[in-house]
Protein backbone atom coordinates (compact mmCIF):
# COMPACT_ATOMS: atom_id res chain seq x y z
CA UNK A 1 -49.18 110.18 -138.14
CA UNK A 2 -50.01 111.43 -134.79
CA UNK A 3 -47.51 112.39 -132.17
CA UNK A 4 -47.61 109.42 -129.65
CA UNK A 5 -45.71 107.93 -126.50
CA UNK A 6 -45.78 104.27 -125.16
CA UNK A 7 -45.58 104.27 -121.21
CA UNK A 8 -43.94 101.38 -119.40
CA UNK A 9 -44.08 100.71 -115.78
CA UNK A 10 -40.67 99.34 -114.79
CA UNK A 11 -40.48 96.06 -112.32
CA UNK A 12 -42.77 93.38 -113.25
CA UNK A 13 -43.32 94.91 -116.70
CA UNK A 14 -39.93 95.84 -118.38
CA UNK A 15 -37.86 93.99 -116.10
CA UNK A 16 -38.39 91.53 -113.40
CA UNK A 17 -38.66 92.81 -109.75
CA UNK A 18 -35.43 94.75 -108.78
CA UNK A 19 -33.66 92.98 -112.25
CA UNK A 20 -31.93 94.56 -114.99
CA UNK A 21 -33.84 94.75 -118.39
CA UNK A 22 -33.09 92.06 -120.75
CA UNK A 23 -31.55 92.22 -124.33
CA UNK A 24 -34.67 90.58 -125.85
CA UNK A 25 -36.70 93.21 -124.37
CA UNK A 26 -34.33 96.35 -125.33
CA UNK A 27 -34.49 94.69 -128.93
CA UNK A 28 -38.32 95.05 -129.01
CA UNK A 29 -38.36 98.61 -127.42
CA UNK A 30 -36.00 99.47 -130.24
CA UNK A 31 -38.18 98.39 -132.84
CA UNK A 32 -41.09 100.31 -130.94
CA UNK A 33 -39.31 103.60 -130.75
CA UNK A 34 -39.39 103.46 -134.86
CA UNK A 35 -43.30 104.34 -134.53
CA UNK A 36 -43.51 106.02 -131.06
CA UNK A 37 -41.75 107.56 -128.48
CA UNK A 38 -41.31 105.65 -125.08
CA UNK A 39 -41.78 106.45 -121.26
CA UNK A 40 -41.04 104.89 -118.27
CA UNK A 41 -43.36 105.47 -115.31
CA UNK A 42 -42.48 104.09 -112.16
CA UNK A 43 -42.86 104.25 -108.59
CA UNK A 44 -39.12 104.13 -108.12
CA UNK A 45 -36.97 107.00 -108.08
CA UNK A 46 -34.11 107.57 -110.84
CA UNK A 47 -31.44 105.78 -109.20
CA UNK A 48 -33.32 102.34 -109.45
CA UNK A 49 -34.13 103.12 -113.43
CA UNK A 50 -30.40 103.85 -113.78
CA UNK A 51 -29.52 100.58 -112.20
CA UNK A 52 -32.13 98.21 -114.14
CA UNK A 53 -32.41 100.01 -117.30
CA UNK A 54 -28.92 101.32 -117.53
CA UNK A 55 -28.75 100.15 -120.91
CA UNK A 56 -31.34 102.11 -122.16
CA UNK A 57 -29.63 105.06 -121.10
CA UNK A 58 -26.13 105.16 -122.71
CA UNK A 59 -25.21 108.52 -124.60
CA UNK A 60 -24.48 106.53 -127.66
CA UNK A 61 -27.70 104.40 -127.21
CA UNK A 62 -30.50 103.72 -129.72
CA UNK A 63 -33.09 105.89 -127.53
CA UNK A 64 -31.78 109.39 -126.60
CA UNK A 65 -34.45 111.93 -126.85
CA UNK A 66 -37.28 109.10 -127.70
CA UNK A 67 -36.90 108.01 -124.36
CA UNK A 68 -38.70 109.84 -121.38
CA UNK A 69 -38.17 108.95 -117.84
CA UNK A 70 -40.84 109.38 -115.25
CA UNK A 71 -39.68 108.25 -111.71
CA UNK A 72 -42.00 108.55 -108.55
CA UNK A 73 -45.28 108.02 -110.36
CA UNK A 74 -44.43 110.80 -112.96
CA UNK A 75 -43.89 113.32 -109.93
CA UNK A 76 -39.98 113.96 -111.50
CA UNK A 77 -39.52 113.87 -115.02
CA UNK A 78 -36.07 113.29 -116.85
CA UNK A 79 -35.73 114.13 -120.66
CA UNK A 80 -32.44 113.52 -122.84
CA UNK A 81 -30.16 116.64 -123.11
CA UNK A 82 -28.25 116.69 -126.51
CA UNK A 83 -25.47 119.02 -125.06
CA UNK A 84 -24.59 116.57 -122.00
CA UNK A 85 -25.84 113.35 -123.43
CA UNK A 86 -27.22 112.60 -120.09
CA UNK A 87 -31.17 112.61 -118.89
CA UNK A 88 -31.61 115.76 -116.86
CA UNK A 89 -34.33 116.52 -114.44
CA UNK A 90 -37.00 118.92 -115.74
CA UNK A 91 -39.51 118.92 -112.94
CA UNK A 92 -40.27 117.48 -109.32
CA UNK A 93 -42.76 118.13 -106.68
CA UNK A 94 -41.95 117.80 -102.86
CA UNK A 95 -44.31 115.43 -100.75
CA UNK A 96 -43.42 117.39 -97.36
CA UNK A 97 -44.17 120.85 -98.62
CA UNK A 98 -47.87 119.32 -99.78
CA UNK A 99 -48.93 117.82 -96.99
CA UNK A 100 -46.48 119.18 -93.80
CA UNK A 101 -43.95 117.94 -91.38
CA UNK A 102 -46.67 117.29 -88.55
CA UNK A 103 -48.62 114.92 -90.65
CA UNK A 104 -45.62 113.39 -92.28
CA UNK A 105 -44.45 112.82 -88.67
CA UNK A 106 -48.00 110.91 -87.65
CA UNK A 107 -47.66 108.91 -90.69
CA UNK A 108 -44.00 107.81 -89.92
CA UNK A 109 -44.98 106.73 -86.07
CA UNK A 110 -47.49 104.54 -87.45
CA UNK A 111 -45.42 102.97 -89.81
CA UNK A 112 -42.79 102.39 -87.25
CA UNK A 113 -45.11 100.42 -84.95
CA UNK A 114 -46.53 98.53 -88.17
CA UNK A 115 -42.84 97.46 -89.17
CA UNK A 116 -42.06 96.42 -85.43
CA UNK A 117 -45.45 94.38 -85.53
CA UNK A 118 -44.62 92.57 -88.85
CA UNK A 119 -41.27 91.80 -87.76
CA UNK A 120 -42.11 90.42 -84.33
CA UNK A 121 -44.93 88.49 -85.60
CA UNK A 122 -42.89 86.68 -88.75
CA UNK A 123 -39.34 87.03 -87.06
CA UNK A 124 -39.03 83.19 -87.66
CA UNK A 125 -40.29 82.97 -90.95
CA UNK A 126 -38.41 86.10 -92.56
CA UNK A 127 -35.00 87.43 -92.82
CA UNK A 128 -35.51 91.03 -92.37
CA UNK A 129 -32.80 93.34 -93.99
CA UNK A 130 -32.69 97.19 -93.84
CA UNK A 131 -33.83 100.48 -95.21
CA UNK A 132 -37.61 99.92 -94.56
CA UNK A 133 -38.53 103.30 -95.42
CA UNK A 134 -37.26 105.34 -98.01
CA UNK A 135 -38.38 108.95 -98.84
CA UNK A 136 -38.02 109.85 -102.39
CA UNK A 137 -39.12 113.46 -102.34
CA UNK A 138 -42.50 113.23 -103.84
CA UNK A 139 -43.40 109.84 -102.35
CA UNK A 140 -42.75 107.43 -99.33
CA UNK A 141 -41.83 103.76 -99.83
CA UNK A 142 -42.54 101.14 -97.19
CA UNK A 143 -40.66 97.92 -97.64
CA UNK A 144 -41.42 95.47 -94.75
CA UNK A 145 -38.86 93.07 -95.72
CA UNK A 146 -36.14 95.88 -96.27
CA UNK A 147 -34.86 97.48 -99.62
CA UNK A 148 -31.58 95.49 -98.74
CA UNK A 149 -33.10 92.16 -99.12
CA UNK A 150 -31.40 89.86 -101.70
CA UNK A 151 -33.55 87.97 -104.25
CA UNK A 152 -33.97 84.77 -101.92
CA UNK A 153 -35.10 87.15 -99.08
CA UNK A 154 -37.58 88.88 -101.47
CA UNK A 155 -39.10 85.50 -102.46
CA UNK A 156 -39.53 84.24 -98.87
CA UNK A 157 -41.48 87.66 -98.23
CA UNK A 158 -43.45 86.98 -101.44
CA UNK A 159 -44.07 83.46 -100.59
CA UNK A 160 -45.20 84.61 -96.69
CA UNK A 161 -47.13 87.32 -97.88
CA UNK A 162 -49.37 85.34 -100.24
CA UNK A 163 -50.35 83.05 -97.47
CA UNK A 164 -50.73 85.34 -94.68
CA UNK A 165 -52.22 88.50 -96.67
CA UNK A 166 -49.68 90.87 -94.63
CA UNK A 167 -49.71 93.42 -97.32
CA UNK A 168 -53.50 93.19 -97.60
CA UNK A 169 -53.98 93.84 -94.15
CA UNK A 170 -51.78 96.76 -93.64
CA UNK A 171 -52.79 98.69 -96.52
CA UNK A 172 -55.97 98.88 -95.05
CA UNK A 173 -54.77 99.65 -91.78
CA UNK A 174 -52.81 102.57 -93.49
CA UNK A 175 -55.99 103.63 -95.22
CA UNK A 176 -57.78 103.89 -91.85
CA UNK A 177 -54.97 106.11 -90.45
CA UNK A 178 -54.93 108.46 -93.46
CA UNK A 179 -58.59 109.00 -92.93
CA UNK A 180 -58.56 109.12 -89.22
CA UNK A 181 -55.31 111.77 -89.34
CA UNK A 182 -57.08 113.59 -92.38
CA UNK A 183 -53.59 113.07 -94.00
CA UNK A 184 -54.86 113.69 -97.59
CA UNK A 185 -52.45 110.77 -98.67
CA UNK A 186 -53.12 107.63 -101.05
CA UNK A 187 -51.33 104.34 -100.49
CA UNK A 188 -50.99 101.69 -103.25
CA UNK A 189 -49.15 98.49 -103.79
CA UNK A 190 -45.50 99.16 -105.02
CA UNK A 191 -44.22 95.94 -106.67
CA UNK A 192 -44.18 92.74 -104.98
CA UNK A 193 -42.73 93.74 -101.55
CA UNK A 194 -43.71 97.20 -100.60
CA UNK A 195 -46.14 100.17 -100.27
CA UNK A 196 -46.09 103.70 -101.96
CA UNK A 197 -47.52 106.50 -100.08
CA UNK A 198 -48.17 109.92 -101.69
CA UNK A 199 -50.44 113.00 -101.63
CA UNK A 200 -53.73 112.55 -103.24
CA UNK A 201 -53.35 112.89 -106.95
CA UNK A 202 -49.84 111.90 -107.20
CA UNK A 203 -50.55 108.52 -108.63
CA UNK A 204 -49.43 107.56 -112.14
CA UNK A 205 -52.00 109.61 -113.72
CA UNK A 206 -49.79 112.58 -112.45
CA UNK A 207 -47.65 111.67 -115.63
CA UNK A 208 -50.01 113.24 -117.85
CA UNK A 209 -49.12 116.65 -116.84
CA UNK A 210 -46.03 116.11 -118.89
CA UNK A 211 -47.68 114.69 -122.01
CA UNK A 212 -49.42 117.74 -123.59
CA UNK A 213 -47.31 117.42 -126.98
CA UNK A 214 -48.77 113.82 -127.39
CA UNK A 215 -51.98 113.23 -129.30
CA UNK A 216 -52.03 109.38 -128.24
CA UNK A 217 -50.75 107.89 -124.86
CA UNK A 218 -50.37 104.33 -124.49
CA UNK A 219 -49.73 102.53 -120.79
CA UNK A 220 -48.52 99.05 -120.07
CA UNK A 221 -48.29 97.74 -116.64
CA UNK A 222 -48.57 94.60 -114.24
CA UNK A 223 -50.19 96.08 -111.24
CA UNK A 224 -53.60 97.37 -112.68
CA UNK A 225 -55.92 95.49 -110.18
CA UNK A 226 -57.64 97.28 -107.10
CA UNK A 227 -54.72 98.37 -104.72
CA UNK A 228 -51.86 98.18 -107.24
CA UNK A 229 -50.03 101.54 -108.31
CA UNK A 230 -50.65 100.87 -112.16
CA UNK A 231 -54.56 101.02 -111.53
CA UNK A 232 -55.09 104.74 -111.93
CA UNK A 233 -53.27 105.43 -115.11
CA UNK A 234 -54.73 101.95 -116.47
CA UNK A 235 -58.08 103.01 -115.69
CA UNK A 236 -57.96 106.59 -117.05
CA UNK A 237 -56.70 105.24 -120.45
CA UNK A 238 -58.80 102.09 -120.77
CA UNK A 239 -61.89 103.98 -122.17
CA UNK A 240 -59.72 104.60 -125.27
CA UNK A 241 -58.37 101.06 -125.48
CA UNK A 242 -54.67 102.31 -124.95
CA UNK A 243 -53.89 100.58 -121.84
CA UNK A 244 -52.50 97.01 -121.28
CA UNK A 245 -52.24 94.91 -118.04
CA UNK A 246 -49.27 92.36 -118.19
CA UNK A 247 -48.03 89.83 -115.99
CA UNK A 248 -44.25 89.75 -116.89
CA UNK A 249 -41.62 90.92 -119.21
CA UNK A 250 -42.24 87.98 -121.55
CA UNK A 251 -46.16 89.12 -121.75
CA UNK A 252 -44.86 92.75 -122.26
CA UNK A 253 -42.90 91.87 -125.46
CA UNK A 254 -46.04 90.07 -126.75
CA UNK A 255 -48.17 93.49 -126.13
CA UNK A 256 -45.23 95.44 -127.79
CA UNK A 257 -45.45 93.46 -131.21
CA UNK A 258 -49.51 93.94 -130.79
CA UNK A 259 -48.91 97.81 -130.26
CA UNK A 260 -46.73 98.04 -133.22
CA UNK A 261 -49.06 96.31 -135.46
CA UNK A 262 -51.87 98.17 -134.36
CA UNK A 263 -49.98 101.44 -135.24
CA UNK A 264 -49.05 100.04 -138.53
CA UNK A 265 -52.74 99.98 -139.48
CA UNK A 266 -53.91 103.09 -138.18
């Protein structure tokens, strides 16, 4: 049997946004791990993976070395260490070193003004919290509602965004700034509340740099349409019929069952 790995986005794919992975999903993934290695490739950093998928990372758990963790679009790579029984960082890259501090400062200045614009325009509609910008080493995450938002505040944002197309407007503004300032950056929608900004080429296709040992690579994600942070990897593997678009964890579980059957009948 060919050595294979099945990669999953996290928020909206394995878990509901910012929620913990559920036992029924764990059971499905355990079955899948009998046939293929499993990878989590997410725009989030490792601290969020540990929060949301902690039941997959236990030293005495079912996955161990069968599970690979690729935070920040795969620009960071964690693998299970059999000695420490922990997932350790094997490689990472640095956005500031790639684009330089001057260009980064220009980006931040624009985003600060944009954040103020959003808050002023929607101050009577939304409950803004804190941590609007989060530098993750290899990318910058901008969450206009604030990463400290609770479920109710996030849902208020989602509803307001659907009506007013806030992210749709500002992603285009960001793209214009990137072009005008020659920033060599890419911006994509992250989850349901934020933007991910990173150097060109550091989208989720970056994860393939870590996968030379695998003959087959499968990917499941929910943000596979234009502007979504799963699109690049989805498009890369689609010609091989190795990518799947999901809408929520329930749909993901059905896709996992299909993948298992496909592997069985190869």
